[in-house]
Amino acid sequence: MSILDKIGLARQGGPPPDRDMPVPHDATHFVTGHPLDPPWPAGCAEALFGMGCFWGAERKFWQLGEGVYVTAVGYAGGATRNPTYEDVCTGRSGHAEVVRVAYFPAILPFDVLLRTFWESHDPTQGMRQGNDIGSQYRSAIYATTEDQLRAARATRDRYQKALTQAGYGAITTEIATAPAFFYAEAHHQQYLAKNPGGYCGLGGSGVACPGGDAAS
């Protein structure tokens, strides 16, 4: 069963209609000044991560430092092309709020991104993250290479053992090949840098993710 089947879009009246044009977004990263749009520099790789509200999730990744070239927030994994934030908030688009991370594997191994992902939210909560409830807040890793997929699944299995020992339930994270990424509106990009006192509901389980082999 696909994630869209699980969300039950058909029972909700179907997804919002596609839009011909993407929503406007910033040209450059508010913190690093790097372009938000590809092409990326030579040696860059990318992946998408869904961890609940994307404001706090994005900050977790840009704070990793020089190995991260750029981050951006947006929507992925759903049925509506070029959705707006309002479309996604209906729950009918099927999209998750995600962070696109372009990074240099030679400086920052993918395993570090995965460890940041697992430890920065609770991946056992299904279609929610804390007080943020809805399919758009689901946990997800959308990989762009087979190596990333293998590494994501391997760390999931290791982390499941650690979570089980700590009394947590089953991991619900969707791990799949990256679908189309649609940028969120300009004011959402690097929101917590633009609004230092802004809301961040992101919270981890407190359980450390065991280490393992890195992948690019």
N, C-alpha and C. Protein backbone atom coordinates (compact mmCIF):
# COMPACT_ATOMS: atom_id res chain seq x y z
N MET A 1 0.85 -1.20 0.00
CA MET A 1 0.00 0.00 0.00
C MET A 1 0.88 1.24 0.00
N SER A 2 0.62 2.19 -0.89
CA SER A 2 1.42 3.40 -0.96
C SER A 2 1.06 4.35 0.17
N ILE A 3 1.94 5.34 0.39
CA ILE A 3 1.67 6.32 1.43
C ILE A 3 0.40 7.11 1.11
N LEU A 4 0.12 7.35 -0.18
CA LEU A 4 -1.08 8.09 -0.54
C LEU A 4 -2.33 7.27 -0.24
N ASP A 5 -2.24 5.94 -0.41
CA ASP A 5 -3.35 5.07 -0.02
C ASP A 5 -3.58 5.15 1.48
N LYS A 6 -2.47 5.14 2.23
CA LYS A 6 -2.59 5.19 3.68
C LYS A 6 -3.23 6.49 4.14
N ILE A 7 -2.89 7.57 3.47
CA ILE A 7 -3.47 8.87 3.83
C ILE A 7 -4.95 8.91 3.48
N GLY A 8 -5.35 8.14 2.48
CA GLY A 8 -6.76 8.06 2.12
C GLY A 8 -7.25 9.26 1.35
N LEU A 9 -6.48 9.71 0.34
CA LEU A 9 -6.88 10.91 -0.41
C LEU A 9 -8.22 10.73 -1.10
N ALA A 10 -8.47 9.54 -1.62
CA ALA A 10 -9.74 9.32 -2.33
C ALA A 10 -10.93 9.53 -1.40
N ARG A 11 -10.79 9.09 -0.16
CA ARG A 11 -11.89 9.24 0.80
C ARG A 11 -12.08 10.69 1.22
N GLN A 12 -11.05 11.51 0.99
CA GLN A 12 -11.14 12.92 1.37
C GLN A 12 -11.60 13.80 0.21
N GLY A 13 -11.97 13.20 -0.89
CA GLY A 13 -12.42 13.98 -2.03
C GLY A 13 -11.34 14.26 -3.04
N GLY A 14 -10.18 13.62 -2.90
CA GLY A 14 -9.10 13.80 -3.86
C GLY A 14 -8.22 14.98 -3.51
N PRO A 15 -7.03 15.05 -4.13
CA PRO A 15 -6.09 16.12 -3.83
C PRO A 15 -6.50 17.45 -4.43
N PRO A 16 -5.97 18.56 -3.92
CA PRO A 16 -6.18 19.86 -4.56
C PRO A 16 -5.63 19.82 -5.98
N PRO A 17 -6.16 20.67 -6.87
CA PRO A 17 -5.70 20.63 -8.27
C PRO A 17 -4.26 21.08 -8.41
N ASP A 18 -3.60 20.58 -9.47
CA ASP A 18 -2.26 21.03 -9.80
C ASP A 18 -2.26 22.52 -10.12
N ARG A 19 -1.10 23.13 -9.94
CA ARG A 19 -0.90 24.53 -10.32
C ARG A 19 0.16 24.58 -11.41
N ASP A 20 -0.04 25.49 -12.36
CA ASP A 20 0.89 25.58 -13.49
C ASP A 20 2.24 26.16 -13.08
N MET A 21 2.24 27.04 -12.09
CA MET A 21 3.46 27.73 -11.70
C MET A 21 3.80 27.43 -10.25
N PRO A 22 5.10 27.27 -9.94
CA PRO A 22 5.49 27.09 -8.54
C PRO A 22 5.28 28.36 -7.73
N VAL A 23 5.16 28.21 -6.42
CA VAL A 23 5.05 29.40 -5.58
C VAL A 23 6.40 30.11 -5.55
N PRO A 24 6.43 31.42 -5.47
CA PRO A 24 7.71 32.14 -5.42
C PRO A 24 8.50 31.80 -4.16
N HIS A 25 9.80 31.65 -4.31
CA HIS A 25 10.66 31.40 -3.16
C HIS A 25 11.93 32.24 -3.30
N ASP A 26 12.64 32.39 -2.20
CA ASP A 26 13.86 33.20 -2.22
C ASP A 26 14.89 32.63 -3.19
N ALA A 27 15.73 33.49 -3.73
CA ALA A 27 16.79 33.05 -4.64
C ALA A 27 18.00 32.52 -3.89
N THR A 28 18.23 33.06 -2.69
CA THR A 28 19.43 32.68 -1.93
C THR A 28 19.07 32.31 -0.49
N HIS A 29 19.94 31.54 0.13
CA HIS A 29 19.77 31.11 1.50
C HIS A 29 20.02 32.29 2.44
N PHE A 30 19.13 32.50 3.37
CA PHE A 30 19.20 33.65 4.26
C PHE A 30 20.44 33.62 5.14
N VAL A 31 20.94 32.43 5.46
CA VAL A 31 22.09 32.29 6.35
C VAL A 31 23.40 32.22 5.58
N THR A 32 23.46 31.36 4.56
CA THR A 32 24.73 31.12 3.86
C THR A 32 24.92 31.99 2.64
N GLY A 33 23.84 32.51 2.07
CA GLY A 33 23.92 33.29 0.85
C GLY A 33 24.05 32.45 -0.41
N HIS A 34 24.06 31.13 -0.29
CA HIS A 34 24.17 30.27 -1.46
C HIS A 34 22.83 30.19 -2.19
N PRO A 35 22.86 29.93 -3.50
CA PRO A 35 21.61 29.80 -4.26
C PRO A 35 20.75 28.66 -3.73
N LEU A 36 19.44 28.89 -3.67
CA LEU A 36 18.53 27.85 -3.21
C LEU A 36 18.23 26.82 -4.31
N ASP A 37 18.46 27.19 -5.56
CA ASP A 37 18.13 26.31 -6.67
C ASP A 37 19.39 25.66 -7.25
N PRO A 38 19.26 24.39 -7.70
CA PRO A 38 20.38 23.79 -8.44
C PRO A 38 20.57 24.48 -9.78
N PRO A 39 21.72 24.21 -10.45
CA PRO A 39 22.66 23.11 -10.18
C PRO A 39 23.56 23.39 -8.98
N TRP A 40 23.94 22.29 -8.31
CA TRP A 40 24.84 22.39 -7.17
C TRP A 40 26.29 22.33 -7.65
N PRO A 41 27.22 22.76 -6.82
CA PRO A 41 28.65 22.66 -7.17
C PRO A 41 29.06 21.19 -7.35
N ALA A 42 30.18 20.99 -8.03
CA ALA A 42 30.72 19.64 -8.20
C ALA A 42 30.98 19.01 -6.83
N GLY A 43 30.64 17.74 -6.72
CA GLY A 43 30.85 17.03 -5.48
C GLY A 43 29.71 17.09 -4.51
N CYS A 44 28.62 17.81 -4.87
CA CYS A 44 27.45 17.93 -4.01
C CYS A 44 26.50 16.75 -4.23
N ALA A 45 25.87 16.32 -3.18
CA ALA A 45 24.78 15.35 -3.25
C ALA A 45 23.57 15.98 -2.56
N GLU A 46 22.41 15.35 -2.66
CA GLU A 46 21.24 15.89 -1.98
C GLU A 46 20.32 14.78 -1.51
N ALA A 47 19.49 15.10 -0.53
CA ALA A 47 18.46 14.21 -0.02
C ALA A 47 17.38 15.06 0.62
N LEU A 48 16.20 14.46 0.82
CA LEU A 48 15.07 15.15 1.42
C LEU A 48 14.71 14.46 2.73
N PHE A 49 14.38 15.29 3.75
CA PHE A 49 14.04 14.75 5.07
C PHE A 49 12.76 15.40 5.58
N GLY A 50 11.82 14.58 6.04
CA GLY A 50 10.61 15.05 6.68
C GLY A 50 10.64 14.70 8.16
N MET A 51 10.48 15.70 9.02
CA MET A 51 10.63 15.49 10.47
C MET A 51 9.57 16.25 11.26
N GLY A 52 8.43 16.52 10.64
CA GLY A 52 7.45 17.37 11.28
C GLY A 52 7.52 18.76 10.68
N CYS A 53 7.24 19.79 11.48
CA CYS A 53 7.29 21.16 10.99
C CYS A 53 8.67 21.46 10.41
N PHE A 54 8.70 21.93 9.16
CA PHE A 54 10.00 22.07 8.49
C PHE A 54 10.82 23.25 8.95
N TRP A 55 10.27 24.16 9.73
CA TRP A 55 11.05 25.29 10.22
C TRP A 55 12.22 24.82 11.09
N GLY A 56 11.90 24.06 12.12
CA GLY A 56 12.94 23.58 13.02
C GLY A 56 13.82 22.53 12.39
N ALA A 57 13.23 21.70 11.52
CA ALA A 57 14.01 20.66 10.85
C ALA A 57 15.10 21.28 9.97
N GLU A 58 14.75 22.33 9.23
CA GLU A 58 15.74 22.95 8.36
C GLU A 58 16.92 23.50 9.18
N ARG A 59 16.62 24.13 10.30
CA ARG A 59 17.70 24.70 11.12
C ARG A 59 18.66 23.63 11.61
N LYS A 60 18.14 22.45 11.95
CA LYS A 60 19.01 21.36 12.39
C LYS A 60 20.08 21.05 11.35
N PHE A 61 19.71 21.11 10.06
CA PHE A 61 20.65 20.74 9.02
C PHE A 61 21.60 21.87 8.65
N TRP A 62 21.12 23.12 8.55
CA TRP A 62 22.08 24.17 8.18
C TRP A 62 23.10 24.39 9.31
N GLN A 63 22.73 24.05 10.55
CA GLN A 63 23.65 24.22 11.66
C GLN A 63 24.76 23.18 11.68
N LEU A 64 24.71 22.20 10.79
CA LEU A 64 25.78 21.21 10.72
C LEU A 64 27.07 21.79 10.16
N GLY A 65 27.00 22.94 9.52
CA GLY A 65 28.21 23.65 9.14
C GLY A 65 28.62 23.50 7.69
N GLU A 66 29.93 23.60 7.44
CA GLU A 66 30.44 23.79 6.09
C GLU A 66 30.14 22.62 5.15
N GLY A 67 29.92 21.43 5.68
CA GLY A 67 29.61 20.30 4.81
C GLY A 67 28.26 20.41 4.14
N VAL A 68 27.40 21.28 4.68
CA VAL A 68 26.08 21.53 4.07
C VAL A 68 26.21 22.74 3.16
N TYR A 69 25.94 22.56 1.88
CA TYR A 69 26.01 23.68 0.94
C TYR A 69 24.79 24.58 1.07
N VAL A 70 23.60 23.98 1.07
CA VAL A 70 22.39 24.77 1.18
C VAL A 70 21.24 23.88 1.65
N THR A 71 20.29 24.51 2.33
CA THR A 71 19.06 23.84 2.72
C THR A 71 17.88 24.65 2.19
N ALA A 72 16.76 23.99 2.00
CA ALA A 72 15.54 24.67 1.60
C ALA A 72 14.36 23.85 2.06
N VAL A 73 13.26 24.50 2.37
CA VAL A 73 12.05 23.78 2.78
C VAL A 73 11.06 23.71 1.64
N GLY A 74 10.27 22.65 1.67
CA GLY A 74 9.28 22.47 0.61
C GLY A 74 8.39 21.28 0.88
N TYR A 75 7.80 20.77 -0.18
CA TYR A 75 6.80 19.73 -0.08
C TYR A 75 7.16 18.59 -1.03
N ALA A 76 6.93 17.35 -0.60
CA ALA A 76 7.26 16.20 -1.43
C ALA A 76 6.45 14.99 -0.99
N GLY A 77 6.30 14.04 -1.90
CA GLY A 77 5.67 12.78 -1.57
C GLY A 77 4.18 12.72 -1.79
N GLY A 78 3.61 13.79 -2.35
CA GLY A 78 2.17 13.83 -2.53
C GLY A 78 1.72 13.79 -3.96
N ALA A 79 0.50 14.28 -4.22
CA ALA A 79 -0.11 14.15 -5.53
C ALA A 79 -0.28 15.48 -6.26
N THR A 80 -0.25 16.60 -5.56
CA THR A 80 -0.51 17.90 -6.17
C THR A 80 0.78 18.54 -6.65
N ARG A 81 0.80 18.98 -7.90
CA ARG A 81 1.97 19.65 -8.45
C ARG A 81 1.94 21.13 -8.10
N ASN A 82 3.09 21.65 -7.66
CA ASN A 82 3.23 23.06 -7.25
C ASN A 82 2.20 23.46 -6.19
N PRO A 83 2.14 22.73 -5.08
CA PRO A 83 1.16 23.06 -4.05
C PRO A 83 1.55 24.31 -3.28
N THR A 84 0.57 24.92 -2.65
CA THR A 84 0.81 26.00 -1.71
C THR A 84 0.80 25.42 -0.30
N TYR A 85 1.23 26.23 0.65
CA TYR A 85 1.19 25.81 2.06
C TYR A 85 -0.25 25.47 2.46
N GLU A 86 -1.19 26.27 1.98
CA GLU A 86 -2.59 26.03 2.31
C GLU A 86 -3.06 24.68 1.75
N ASP A 87 -2.62 24.36 0.52
CA ASP A 87 -2.96 23.05 -0.06
C ASP A 87 -2.45 21.92 0.83
N VAL A 88 -1.22 22.04 1.26
CA VAL A 88 -0.60 20.99 2.06
C VAL A 88 -1.28 20.86 3.42
N CYS A 89 -1.67 22.00 3.99
CA CYS A 89 -2.30 21.97 5.31
C CYS A 89 -3.68 21.33 5.31
N THR A 90 -4.31 21.21 4.15
CA THR A 90 -5.60 20.51 4.09
C THR A 90 -5.44 19.03 4.36
N GLY A 91 -4.21 18.51 4.16
CA GLY A 91 -3.98 17.08 4.28
C GLY A 91 -4.34 16.31 3.04
N ARG A 92 -4.94 16.99 2.05
CA ARG A 92 -5.42 16.31 0.85
C ARG A 92 -4.39 16.29 -0.27
N SER A 93 -3.32 17.07 -0.16
CA SER A 93 -2.30 17.05 -1.21
C SER A 93 -1.44 15.80 -1.14
N GLY A 94 -1.38 15.20 0.05
CA GLY A 94 -0.54 14.03 0.26
C GLY A 94 0.92 14.35 0.51
N HIS A 95 1.29 15.61 0.44
CA HIS A 95 2.69 15.99 0.60
C HIS A 95 3.10 16.02 2.08
N ALA A 96 4.38 15.75 2.31
CA ALA A 96 5.00 15.97 3.61
C ALA A 96 5.79 17.27 3.55
N GLU A 97 5.89 17.95 4.68
CA GLU A 97 6.81 19.07 4.80
C GLU A 97 8.22 18.48 4.89
N VAL A 98 9.11 18.92 4.00
CA VAL A 98 10.45 18.34 3.96
C VAL A 98 11.52 19.42 3.87
N VAL A 99 12.74 19.01 4.18
CA VAL A 99 13.93 19.85 4.02
C VAL A 99 14.79 19.23 2.92
N ARG A 100 15.14 20.02 1.94
CA ARG A 100 16.09 19.58 0.91
C ARG A 100 17.48 19.98 1.39
N VAL A 101 18.38 19.00 1.48
CA VAL A 101 19.74 19.24 1.94
C VAL A 101 20.71 18.92 0.82
N ALA A 102 21.44 19.93 0.35
CA ALA A 102 22.53 19.73 -0.60
C ALA A 102 23.82 19.80 0.21
N TYR A 103 24.63 18.76 0.11
CA TYR A 103 25.79 18.64 1.00
C TYR A 103 26.97 18.02 0.26
N PHE A 104 28.14 18.14 0.87
CA PHE A 104 29.36 17.57 0.31
C PHE A 104 29.73 16.31 1.08
N PRO A 105 29.49 15.12 0.50
CA PRO A 105 29.80 13.87 1.21
C PRO A 105 31.26 13.75 1.62
N ALA A 106 32.17 14.38 0.87
CA ALA A 106 33.58 14.29 1.23
C ALA A 106 33.90 15.01 2.54
N ILE A 107 33.02 15.95 2.91
CA ILE A 107 33.20 16.71 4.15
C ILE A 107 32.25 16.21 5.23
N LEU A 108 31.02 15.91 4.83
CA LEU A 108 29.96 15.54 5.77
C LEU A 108 29.32 14.24 5.30
N PRO A 109 29.69 13.10 5.84
CA PRO A 109 29.12 11.83 5.41
C PRO A 109 27.61 11.79 5.60
N PHE A 110 26.96 11.04 4.73
CA PHE A 110 25.50 10.92 4.80
C PHE A 110 25.07 10.36 6.15
N ASP A 111 25.89 9.54 6.75
CA ASP A 111 25.56 8.96 8.05
C ASP A 111 25.35 10.05 9.10
N VAL A 112 26.05 11.17 8.98
CA VAL A 112 25.86 12.28 9.92
C VAL A 112 24.49 12.91 9.72
N LEU A 113 24.08 13.06 8.46
CA LEU A 113 22.74 13.58 8.19
C LEU A 113 21.68 12.64 8.75
N LEU A 114 21.88 11.34 8.57
CA LEU A 114 20.92 10.37 9.08
C LEU A 114 20.84 10.42 10.60
N ARG A 115 21.98 10.53 11.25
CA ARG A 115 21.98 10.60 12.71
C ARG A 115 21.25 11.86 13.19
N THR A 116 21.48 12.97 12.50
CA THR A 116 20.76 14.21 12.83
C THR A 116 19.27 14.02 12.65
N PHE A 117 18.88 13.38 11.56
CA PHE A 117 17.47 13.11 11.28
C PHE A 117 16.83 12.28 12.40
N TRP A 118 17.42 11.12 12.69
CA TRP A 118 16.79 10.22 13.66
C TRP A 118 16.73 10.82 15.05
N GLU A 119 17.78 11.51 15.46
CA GLU A 119 17.84 11.99 16.84
C GLU A 119 17.09 13.30 17.08
N SER A 120 16.67 13.97 16.00
CA SER A 120 16.05 15.30 16.14
C SER A 120 14.54 15.25 16.16
N HIS A 121 13.95 14.07 16.00
CA HIS A 121 12.49 13.96 16.08
C HIS A 121 12.16 12.55 16.57
N ASP A 122 10.88 12.30 16.80
CA ASP A 122 10.44 10.97 17.22
C ASP A 122 9.82 10.28 16.01
N PRO A 123 10.52 9.31 15.41
CA PRO A 123 10.06 8.69 14.18
C PRO A 123 9.02 7.59 14.38
N THR A 124 8.44 7.50 15.58
CA THR A 124 7.46 6.45 15.87
C THR A 124 6.03 6.97 15.93
N GLN A 125 5.82 8.24 15.58
CA GLN A 125 4.53 8.87 15.86
C GLN A 125 3.53 8.83 14.71
N GLY A 126 3.89 8.27 13.58
CA GLY A 126 2.94 8.19 12.48
C GLY A 126 2.69 9.54 11.83
N MET A 127 1.43 9.88 11.63
CA MET A 127 1.06 11.10 10.93
C MET A 127 1.00 12.30 11.87
N ARG A 128 2.09 12.52 12.58
CA ARG A 128 2.16 13.65 13.51
C ARG A 128 3.59 13.81 13.98
N GLN A 129 3.85 14.91 14.65
CA GLN A 129 5.11 15.12 15.36
C GLN A 129 4.80 16.06 16.51
N GLY A 130 4.72 15.48 17.71
CA GLY A 130 4.34 16.27 18.86
C GLY A 130 2.92 16.78 18.73
N ASN A 131 2.76 18.10 18.92
CA ASN A 131 1.44 18.71 18.81
C ASN A 131 1.04 19.02 17.38
N ASP A 132 1.95 18.81 16.43
CA ASP A 132 1.64 19.04 15.01
C ASP A 132 1.08 17.74 14.44
N ILE A 133 -0.20 17.77 14.12
CA ILE A 133 -0.91 16.55 13.71
C ILE A 133 -1.37 16.67 12.27
N GLY A 134 -1.12 15.64 11.47
CA GLY A 134 -1.55 15.62 10.07
C GLY A 134 -0.53 14.89 9.23
N SER A 135 -0.96 14.42 8.07
CA SER A 135 -0.07 13.64 7.21
C SER A 135 1.13 14.44 6.73
N GLN A 136 1.02 15.77 6.70
CA GLN A 136 2.14 16.60 6.24
C GLN A 136 3.29 16.59 7.24
N TYR A 137 3.04 16.11 8.46
CA TYR A 137 4.08 16.10 9.49
C TYR A 137 4.71 14.71 9.66
N ARG A 138 4.47 13.81 8.73
CA ARG A 138 5.01 12.46 8.86
C ARG A 138 6.53 12.45 8.71
N SER A 139 7.12 11.42 9.24
CA SER A 139 8.57 11.21 9.15
C SER A 139 8.90 10.56 7.81
N ALA A 140 9.92 11.10 7.12
CA ALA A 140 10.25 10.57 5.79
C ALA A 140 11.71 10.84 5.45
N ILE A 141 12.31 9.89 4.74
CA ILE A 141 13.62 10.07 4.11
C ILE A 141 13.43 9.77 2.63
N TYR A 142 13.68 10.76 1.79
CA TYR A 142 13.59 10.57 0.34
C TYR A 142 15.01 10.65 -0.22
N ALA A 143 15.51 9.51 -0.66
CA ALA A 143 16.91 9.39 -1.08
C ALA A 143 17.06 9.59 -2.57
N THR A 144 18.23 10.06 -2.98
CA THR A 144 18.49 10.29 -4.40
C THR A 144 19.45 9.28 -4.99
N THR A 145 19.98 8.37 -4.18
CA THR A 145 20.87 7.31 -4.68
C THR A 145 20.54 6.00 -3.98
N GLU A 146 20.96 4.89 -4.59
CA GLU A 146 20.77 3.58 -3.97
C GLU A 146 21.59 3.47 -2.68
N ASP A 147 22.77 4.05 -2.66
CA ASP A 147 23.58 4.03 -1.45
C ASP A 147 22.87 4.73 -0.29
N GLN A 148 22.24 5.86 -0.59
CA GLN A 148 21.48 6.55 0.45
C GLN A 148 20.33 5.70 0.97
N LEU A 149 19.62 5.03 0.05
CA LEU A 149 18.51 4.16 0.47
C LEU A 149 19.00 3.06 1.39
N ARG A 150 20.10 2.41 1.02
CA ARG A 150 20.63 1.33 1.84
C ARG A 150 21.06 1.85 3.21
N ALA A 151 21.71 3.02 3.23
CA ALA A 151 22.16 3.58 4.50
C ALA A 151 20.97 3.97 5.37
N ALA A 152 19.93 4.54 4.77
CA ALA A 152 18.74 4.93 5.53
C ALA A 152 18.06 3.72 6.16
N ARG A 153 17.95 2.64 5.40
CA ARG A 153 17.30 1.43 5.92
C ARG A 153 18.15 0.78 7.01
N ALA A 154 19.47 0.81 6.81
CA ALA A 154 20.36 0.22 7.81
C ALA A 154 20.29 0.99 9.13
N THR A 155 20.30 2.31 9.06
CA THR A 155 20.23 3.10 10.30
C THR A 155 18.85 2.96 10.94
N ARG A 156 17.80 2.85 10.12
CA ARG A 156 16.46 2.61 10.68
C ARG A 156 16.46 1.33 11.52
N ASP A 157 17.04 0.27 10.97
CA ASP A 157 17.03 -1.01 11.68
C ASP A 157 17.84 -0.93 12.97
N ARG A 158 18.98 -0.25 12.92
CA ARG A 158 19.78 -0.09 14.14
C ARG A 158 19.05 0.77 15.16
N TYR A 159 18.42 1.84 14.66
CA TYR A 159 17.74 2.75 15.59
C TYR A 159 16.51 2.10 16.19
N GLN A 160 15.85 1.24 15.41
CA GLN A 160 14.68 0.55 15.95
C GLN A 160 15.05 -0.27 17.18
N LYS A 161 16.19 -0.94 17.13
CA LYS A 161 16.63 -1.72 18.27
C LYS A 161 16.85 -0.83 19.49
N ALA A 162 17.48 0.32 19.27
CA ALA A 162 17.72 1.24 20.38
C ALA A 162 16.42 1.80 20.93
N LEU A 163 15.50 2.14 20.04
CA LEU A 163 14.21 2.68 20.48
C LEU A 163 13.40 1.63 21.24
N THR A 164 13.41 0.39 20.75
CA THR A 164 12.68 -0.68 21.42
C THR A 164 13.20 -0.89 22.84
N GLN A 165 14.52 -0.87 22.98
CA GLN A 165 15.12 -1.02 24.31
C GLN A 165 14.71 0.12 25.24
N ALA A 166 14.44 1.29 24.65
CA ALA A 166 14.05 2.46 25.45
C ALA A 166 12.54 2.52 25.67
N GLY A 167 11.79 1.56 25.14
CA GLY A 167 10.36 1.52 25.37
C GLY A 167 9.50 2.17 24.31
N TYR A 168 10.10 2.54 23.18
CA TYR A 168 9.34 3.14 22.09
C TYR A 168 8.77 2.07 21.17
N GLY A 169 7.79 2.47 20.36
CA GLY A 169 7.16 1.56 19.42
C GLY A 169 7.89 1.49 18.10
N ALA A 170 7.16 1.05 17.07
CA ALA A 170 7.75 0.83 15.76
C ALA A 170 7.99 2.15 15.03
N ILE A 171 9.10 2.23 14.32
CA ILE A 171 9.39 3.38 13.47
C ILE A 171 8.41 3.41 12.31
N THR A 172 7.86 4.58 12.03
CA THR A 172 6.88 4.75 10.95
C THR A 172 7.44 5.51 9.76
N THR A 173 8.73 5.80 9.78
CA THR A 173 9.36 6.62 8.75
C THR A 173 9.20 6.01 7.36
N GLU A 174 8.77 6.84 6.42
CA GLU A 174 8.69 6.45 5.01
C GLU A 174 10.09 6.62 4.41
N ILE A 175 10.66 5.56 3.86
CA ILE A 175 11.96 5.61 3.19
C ILE A 175 11.75 5.22 1.74
N ALA A 176 12.05 6.14 0.83
CA ALA A 176 11.75 5.91 -0.59
C ALA A 176 12.67 6.75 -1.45
N THR A 177 12.68 6.42 -2.74
CA THR A 177 13.40 7.23 -3.72
C THR A 177 12.75 8.61 -3.79
N ALA A 178 13.57 9.64 -3.88
CA ALA A 178 13.06 11.01 -3.82
C ALA A 178 12.08 11.30 -4.95
N PRO A 179 10.87 11.77 -4.61
CA PRO A 179 9.93 12.24 -5.62
C PRO A 179 10.23 13.69 -5.96
N ALA A 180 9.36 14.31 -6.73
CA ALA A 180 9.53 15.72 -7.06
C ALA A 180 9.49 16.56 -5.79
N PHE A 181 10.36 17.57 -5.76
CA PHE A 181 10.41 18.52 -4.64
C PHE A 181 9.84 19.84 -5.10
N PHE A 182 8.93 20.40 -4.30
CA PHE A 182 8.32 21.69 -4.61
C PHE A 182 8.66 22.67 -3.49
N TYR A 183 9.29 23.77 -3.85
CA TYR A 183 9.69 24.76 -2.85
C TYR A 183 8.48 25.34 -2.12
N ALA A 184 8.67 25.57 -0.83
CA ALA A 184 7.68 26.31 -0.05
C ALA A 184 7.86 27.81 -0.30
N GLU A 185 6.89 28.57 0.13
CA GLU A 185 6.87 30.01 -0.07
C GLU A 185 8.08 30.67 0.59
N ALA A 186 8.41 31.87 0.09
CA ALA A 186 9.63 32.56 0.52
C ALA A 186 9.70 32.75 2.03
N HIS A 187 8.59 33.09 2.67
CA HIS A 187 8.67 33.39 4.10
C HIS A 187 8.94 32.15 4.95
N HIS A 188 8.75 30.96 4.39
CA HIS A 188 9.06 29.73 5.12
C HIS A 188 10.55 29.37 5.06
N GLN A 189 11.25 29.86 4.05
CA GLN A 189 12.66 29.51 3.89
C GLN A 189 13.49 30.11 5.02
N GLN A 190 14.25 29.24 5.71
CA GLN A 190 15.10 29.66 6.84
C GLN A 190 14.31 30.49 7.85
N TYR A 191 13.10 30.04 8.12
CA TYR A 191 12.16 30.81 8.94
C TYR A 191 12.73 31.18 10.30
N LEU A 192 13.41 30.23 10.95
CA LEU A 192 13.88 30.49 12.31
C LEU A 192 15.13 31.37 12.36
N ALA A 193 15.78 31.57 11.21
CA ALA A 193 16.84 32.58 11.14
C ALA A 193 16.23 33.96 10.95
N LYS A 194 15.17 34.04 10.18
CA LYS A 194 14.48 35.32 9.97
C LYS A 194 13.65 35.71 11.19
N ASN A 195 13.19 34.71 11.93
CA ASN A 195 12.32 34.92 13.10
C ASN A 195 12.89 34.12 14.28
N PRO A 196 13.94 34.63 14.93
CA PRO A 196 14.64 33.84 15.97
C PRO A 196 13.74 33.38 17.11
N GLY A 197 12.68 34.09 17.36
CA GLY A 197 11.77 33.69 18.43
C GLY A 197 10.60 32.88 17.95
N GLY A 198 10.67 32.40 16.72
CA GLY A 198 9.56 31.68 16.13
C GLY A 198 9.34 30.31 16.72
N TYR A 199 8.20 29.73 16.39
CA TYR A 199 7.80 28.43 16.91
C TYR A 199 8.70 27.32 16.37
N CYS A 200 9.08 26.41 17.26
CA CYS A 200 9.76 25.18 16.84
C CYS A 200 9.30 24.06 17.74
N GLY A 201 8.47 23.18 17.20
CA GLY A 201 7.94 22.07 17.98
C GLY A 201 8.76 20.81 17.88
N LEU A 202 9.95 20.91 17.28
CA LEU A 202 10.78 19.73 17.04
C LEU A 202 11.36 19.22 18.36
N GLY A 203 11.22 17.93 18.58
CA GLY A 203 11.78 17.32 19.78
C GLY A 203 12.14 15.88 19.52
N GLY A 204 13.32 15.47 19.93
CA GLY A 204 13.75 14.10 19.71
C GLY A 204 13.27 13.17 20.81
N SER A 205 13.59 11.90 20.65
CA SER A 205 13.21 10.89 21.63
C SER A 205 14.17 10.84 22.81
N GLY A 206 15.36 11.41 22.61
CA GLY A 206 16.39 11.31 23.63
C GLY A 206 17.22 10.05 23.52
N VAL A 207 16.94 9.25 22.48
CA VAL A 207 17.67 8.01 22.27
C VAL A 207 18.73 8.23 21.19
N ALA A 208 19.97 7.86 21.47
CA ALA A 208 21.05 8.04 20.50
C ALA A 208 20.96 7.01 19.41
N CYS A 209 21.33 7.44 18.19
CA CYS A 209 21.33 6.53 17.05
C CYS A 209 22.70 5.87 16.94
N PRO A 210 22.77 4.53 16.99
CA PRO A 210 24.07 3.85 16.88
C PRO A 210 24.73 4.16 15.55
N GLY A 211 26.05 4.26 15.54
CA GLY A 211 26.78 4.57 14.34
C GLY A 211 26.86 3.40 13.39
N GLY A 212 27.34 3.68 12.17
CA GLY A 212 27.46 2.65 11.15
C GLY A 212 28.22 3.18 9.96
N ASP A 213 28.20 2.44 8.88
CA ASP A 213 28.89 2.85 7.68
C ASP A 213 28.21 4.03 7.03
N ALA A 214 28.99 5.01 6.54
CA ALA A 214 28.44 6.19 5.86
C ALA A 214 28.23 5.86 4.41
N ALA A 215 27.41 6.68 3.76
CA ALA A 215 27.18 6.56 2.31
C ALA A 215 27.05 7.95 1.73
N SER A 216 27.33 8.08 0.46
CA SER A 216 27.21 9.38 -0.18
C SER A 216 25.86 9.53 -0.84
